[in-house]
Amino acid sequence: MLVIPGPTGAITSFTTRVEREREKREGLLKSEEERKKMEDFNKQWRAQSLLTKQTQQTIKEERERMKEQFMKEQEEK
């Protein structure tokens, strides 16, 4: 309800059903956009997390290979 003061007193204006529905649709649209943004963020985060995990695993495997190679070289001496 909107109250507009004036010289003849307060004029009251109620929002119509169409306006309420439009506001509701706008709210739902905004919520949907926020949900999509969050989904996109989560996808990117999961991809980055997976990449980090794979990189760490690769580094660990490389470290193990280097260690084994070093041990073999030490045994040969």
N, C-alpha and C. Protein backbone atom coordinates (compact mmCIF):
# COMPACT_ATOMS: atom_id res chain seq x y z
N MET A 1 0.85 -1.18 0.00
CA MET A 1 0.00 0.00 0.00
C MET A 1 0.89 1.23 0.00
N LEU A 2 0.53 2.19 -0.82
CA LEU A 2 1.30 3.42 -0.96
C LEU A 2 0.43 4.59 -0.52
N VAL A 3 0.93 5.39 0.41
CA VAL A 3 0.17 6.54 0.89
C VAL A 3 0.84 7.80 0.36
N ILE A 4 0.06 8.61 -0.34
CA ILE A 4 0.57 9.86 -0.91
C ILE A 4 -0.12 11.01 -0.20
N PRO A 5 0.64 11.79 0.58
CA PRO A 5 0.00 12.92 1.26
C PRO A 5 -0.34 14.02 0.24
N GLY A 6 -1.41 14.70 0.49
CA GLY A 6 -1.81 15.77 -0.41
C GLY A 6 -2.69 16.77 0.32
N PRO A 7 -3.08 17.83 -0.37
CA PRO A 7 -3.88 18.86 0.28
C PRO A 7 -5.26 18.36 0.71
N THR A 8 -5.79 17.35 0.03
CA THR A 8 -7.12 16.86 0.38
C THR A 8 -7.05 15.69 1.36
N GLY A 9 -5.87 15.38 1.85
CA GLY A 9 -5.71 14.25 2.77
C GLY A 9 -4.80 13.21 2.14
N ALA A 10 -4.82 12.06 2.68
CA ALA A 10 -3.97 10.98 2.18
C ALA A 10 -4.70 10.21 1.09
N ILE A 11 -4.02 10.04 -0.04
CA ILE A 11 -4.57 9.24 -1.14
C ILE A 11 -3.88 7.87 -1.05
N THR A 12 -4.66 6.83 -1.02
CA THR A 12 -4.11 5.49 -0.86
C THR A 12 -4.17 4.75 -2.18
N SER A 13 -3.07 4.07 -2.52
CA SER A 13 -3.02 3.30 -3.76
C SER A 13 -2.58 1.88 -3.44
N PHE A 14 -3.35 0.92 -3.86
CA PHE A 14 -3.01 -0.49 -3.66
C PHE A 14 -2.37 -1.03 -4.93
N THR A 15 -1.40 -1.94 -4.75
CA THR A 15 -0.81 -2.57 -5.94
C THR A 15 -1.82 -3.54 -6.51
N THR A 16 -1.88 -3.59 -7.81
CA THR A 16 -2.83 -4.47 -8.47
C THR A 16 -2.27 -5.89 -8.52
N ARG A 17 -3.13 -6.81 -8.85
CA ARG A 17 -2.73 -8.21 -8.95
C ARG A 17 -1.63 -8.37 -10.00
N VAL A 18 -1.76 -7.66 -11.12
CA VAL A 18 -0.76 -7.72 -12.20
C VAL A 18 0.60 -7.24 -11.70
N GLU A 19 0.60 -6.15 -10.94
CA GLU A 19 1.87 -5.63 -10.40
C GLU A 19 2.50 -6.63 -9.44
N ARG A 20 1.67 -7.24 -8.59
CA ARG A 20 2.20 -8.23 -7.63
C ARG A 20 2.79 -9.43 -8.37
N GLU A 21 2.08 -9.88 -9.41
CA GLU A 21 2.59 -11.01 -10.20
C GLU A 21 3.89 -10.65 -10.90
N ARG A 22 3.97 -9.42 -11.43
CA ARG A 22 5.20 -8.97 -12.10
C ARG A 22 6.36 -8.94 -11.11
N GLU A 23 6.10 -8.41 -9.91
CA GLU A 23 7.15 -8.36 -8.88
C GLU A 23 7.58 -9.77 -8.48
N LYS A 24 6.61 -10.67 -8.40
CA LYS A 24 6.91 -12.07 -8.05
C LYS A 24 7.78 -12.70 -9.13
N ARG A 25 7.41 -12.48 -10.41
CA ARG A 25 8.20 -13.02 -11.53
C ARG A 25 9.61 -12.46 -11.51
N GLU A 26 9.73 -11.15 -11.26
CA GLU A 26 11.06 -10.53 -11.19
C GLU A 26 11.89 -11.15 -10.07
N GLY A 27 11.26 -11.39 -8.94
CA GLY A 27 11.95 -12.02 -7.81
C GLY A 27 12.40 -13.43 -8.16
N LEU A 28 11.52 -14.19 -8.82
CA LEU A 28 11.87 -15.56 -9.22
C LEU A 28 12.99 -15.56 -10.25
N LEU A 29 12.94 -14.61 -11.19
CA LEU A 29 13.98 -14.50 -12.21
C LEU A 29 15.33 -14.20 -11.56
N LYS A 30 15.30 -13.27 -10.61
CA LYS A 30 16.54 -12.90 -9.91
C LYS A 30 17.08 -14.10 -9.14
N SER A 31 16.21 -14.84 -8.48
CA SER A 31 16.62 -16.04 -7.75
C SER A 31 17.23 -17.07 -8.69
N GLU A 32 16.62 -17.24 -9.85
CA GLU A 32 17.12 -18.20 -10.84
C GLU A 32 18.50 -17.79 -11.35
N GLU A 33 18.69 -16.49 -11.61
CA GLU A 33 20.00 -16.00 -12.05
C GLU A 33 21.06 -16.25 -10.99
N GLU A 34 20.72 -15.98 -9.74
CA GLU A 34 21.67 -16.21 -8.64
C GLU A 34 22.00 -17.69 -8.52
N ARG A 35 21.00 -18.55 -8.70
CA ARG A 35 21.22 -20.00 -8.63
C ARG A 35 22.17 -20.45 -9.74
N LYS A 36 21.96 -19.91 -10.96
CA LYS A 36 22.82 -20.27 -12.09
C LYS A 36 24.25 -19.80 -11.85
N LYS A 37 24.40 -18.59 -11.34
CA LYS A 37 25.74 -18.07 -11.05
C LYS A 37 26.44 -18.96 -10.03
N MET A 38 25.69 -19.38 -9.00
CA MET A 38 26.27 -20.23 -7.97
C MET A 38 26.64 -21.59 -8.56
N GLU A 39 25.80 -22.12 -9.43
CA GLU A 39 26.08 -23.39 -10.09
C GLU A 39 27.36 -23.29 -10.91
N ASP A 40 27.49 -22.20 -11.70
CA ASP A 40 28.68 -21.99 -12.51
C ASP A 40 29.92 -21.89 -11.63
N PHE A 41 29.79 -21.15 -10.53
CA PHE A 41 30.92 -21.01 -9.61
C PHE A 41 31.32 -22.37 -9.06
N ASN A 42 30.32 -23.17 -8.66
CA ASN A 42 30.61 -24.50 -8.11
C ASN A 42 31.27 -25.40 -9.13
N LYS A 43 30.82 -25.33 -10.40
CA LYS A 43 31.45 -26.13 -11.46
C LYS A 43 32.91 -25.73 -11.63
N GLN A 44 33.16 -24.43 -11.68
CA GLN A 44 34.54 -23.95 -11.82
C GLN A 44 35.38 -24.37 -10.63
N TRP A 45 34.82 -24.28 -9.44
CA TRP A 45 35.56 -24.64 -8.23
C TRP A 45 35.91 -26.12 -8.24
N ARG A 46 34.92 -26.96 -8.63
CA ARG A 46 35.18 -28.41 -8.68
C ARG A 46 36.23 -28.74 -9.72
N ALA A 47 36.17 -28.09 -10.89
CA ALA A 47 37.16 -28.33 -11.94
C ALA A 47 38.54 -27.93 -11.45
N GLN A 48 38.64 -26.77 -10.81
CA GLN A 48 39.93 -26.30 -10.30
C GLN A 48 40.44 -27.24 -9.20
N SER A 49 39.54 -27.69 -8.35
CA SER A 49 39.91 -28.61 -7.27
C SER A 49 40.43 -29.93 -7.85
N LEU A 50 39.75 -30.44 -8.86
CA LEU A 50 40.17 -31.68 -9.50
C LEU A 50 41.53 -31.51 -10.16
N LEU A 51 41.72 -30.39 -10.84
CA LEU A 51 43.01 -30.10 -11.49
C LEU A 51 44.12 -30.04 -10.45
N THR A 52 43.86 -29.39 -9.34
CA THR A 52 44.86 -29.29 -8.27
C THR A 52 45.19 -30.68 -7.73
N LYS A 53 44.15 -31.48 -7.53
CA LYS A 53 44.36 -32.84 -7.01
C LYS A 53 45.19 -33.66 -7.99
N GLN A 54 44.88 -33.57 -9.29
CA GLN A 54 45.63 -34.30 -10.31
C GLN A 54 47.08 -33.83 -10.36
N THR A 55 47.29 -32.53 -10.25
CA THR A 55 48.64 -31.97 -10.27
C THR A 55 49.43 -32.47 -9.08
N GLN A 56 48.82 -32.46 -7.91
CA GLN A 56 49.50 -32.95 -6.71
C GLN A 56 49.84 -34.43 -6.84
N GLN A 57 48.94 -35.20 -7.42
CA GLN A 57 49.18 -36.63 -7.62
C GLN A 57 50.34 -36.83 -8.59
N THR A 58 50.38 -36.06 -9.67
CA THR A 58 51.46 -36.15 -10.65
C THR A 58 52.79 -35.81 -10.00
N ILE A 59 52.82 -34.77 -9.21
CA ILE A 59 54.05 -34.37 -8.52
C ILE A 59 54.50 -35.48 -7.57
N LYS A 60 53.57 -36.06 -6.86
CA LYS A 60 53.88 -37.15 -5.93
C LYS A 60 54.48 -38.34 -6.67
N GLU A 61 53.87 -38.71 -7.80
CA GLU A 61 54.37 -39.83 -8.60
C GLU A 61 55.76 -39.53 -9.14
N GLU A 62 55.97 -38.32 -9.62
CA GLU A 62 57.28 -37.92 -10.14
C GLU A 62 58.33 -37.98 -9.03
N ARG A 63 57.98 -37.53 -7.85
CA ARG A 63 58.89 -37.56 -6.71
C ARG A 63 59.28 -39.01 -6.38
N GLU A 64 58.29 -39.91 -6.42
CA GLU A 64 58.55 -41.33 -6.16
C GLU A 64 59.50 -41.91 -7.22
N ARG A 65 59.26 -41.58 -8.49
CA ARG A 65 60.14 -42.07 -9.57
C ARG A 65 61.56 -41.58 -9.37
N MET A 66 61.70 -40.30 -9.04
CA MET A 66 63.03 -39.73 -8.83
C MET A 66 63.72 -40.41 -7.64
N LYS A 67 62.97 -40.69 -6.60
CA LYS A 67 63.53 -41.35 -5.42
C LYS A 67 64.01 -42.75 -5.78
N GLU A 68 63.18 -43.50 -6.52
CA GLU A 68 63.56 -44.85 -6.95
C GLU A 68 64.80 -44.81 -7.83
N GLN A 69 64.83 -43.85 -8.75
CA GLN A 69 65.98 -43.72 -9.64
C GLN A 69 67.24 -43.40 -8.83
N PHE A 70 67.14 -42.53 -7.86
CA PHE A 70 68.28 -42.17 -7.02
C PHE A 70 68.77 -43.40 -6.24
N MET A 71 67.82 -44.17 -5.70
CA MET A 71 68.19 -45.36 -4.94
C MET A 71 68.90 -46.38 -5.84
N LYS A 72 68.43 -46.54 -7.07
CA LYS A 72 69.09 -47.46 -8.01
C LYS A 72 70.50 -46.99 -8.30
N GLU A 73 70.66 -45.69 -8.52
CA GLU A 73 72.00 -45.14 -8.79
C GLU A 73 72.93 -45.36 -7.61
N GLN A 74 72.40 -45.22 -6.40
CA GLN A 74 73.21 -45.42 -5.20
C GLN A 74 73.63 -46.89 -5.06
N GLU A 75 72.75 -47.81 -5.43
CA GLU A 75 73.07 -49.23 -5.36
C GLU A 75 74.13 -49.61 -6.38
N GLU A 76 74.09 -48.97 -7.56
CA GLU A 76 75.05 -49.27 -8.61
C GLU A 76 76.45 -48.83 -8.24
N LYS A 77 76.58 -47.83 -7.42
CA LYS A 77 77.90 -47.32 -7.04
C LYS A 77 78.58 -48.21 -6.12
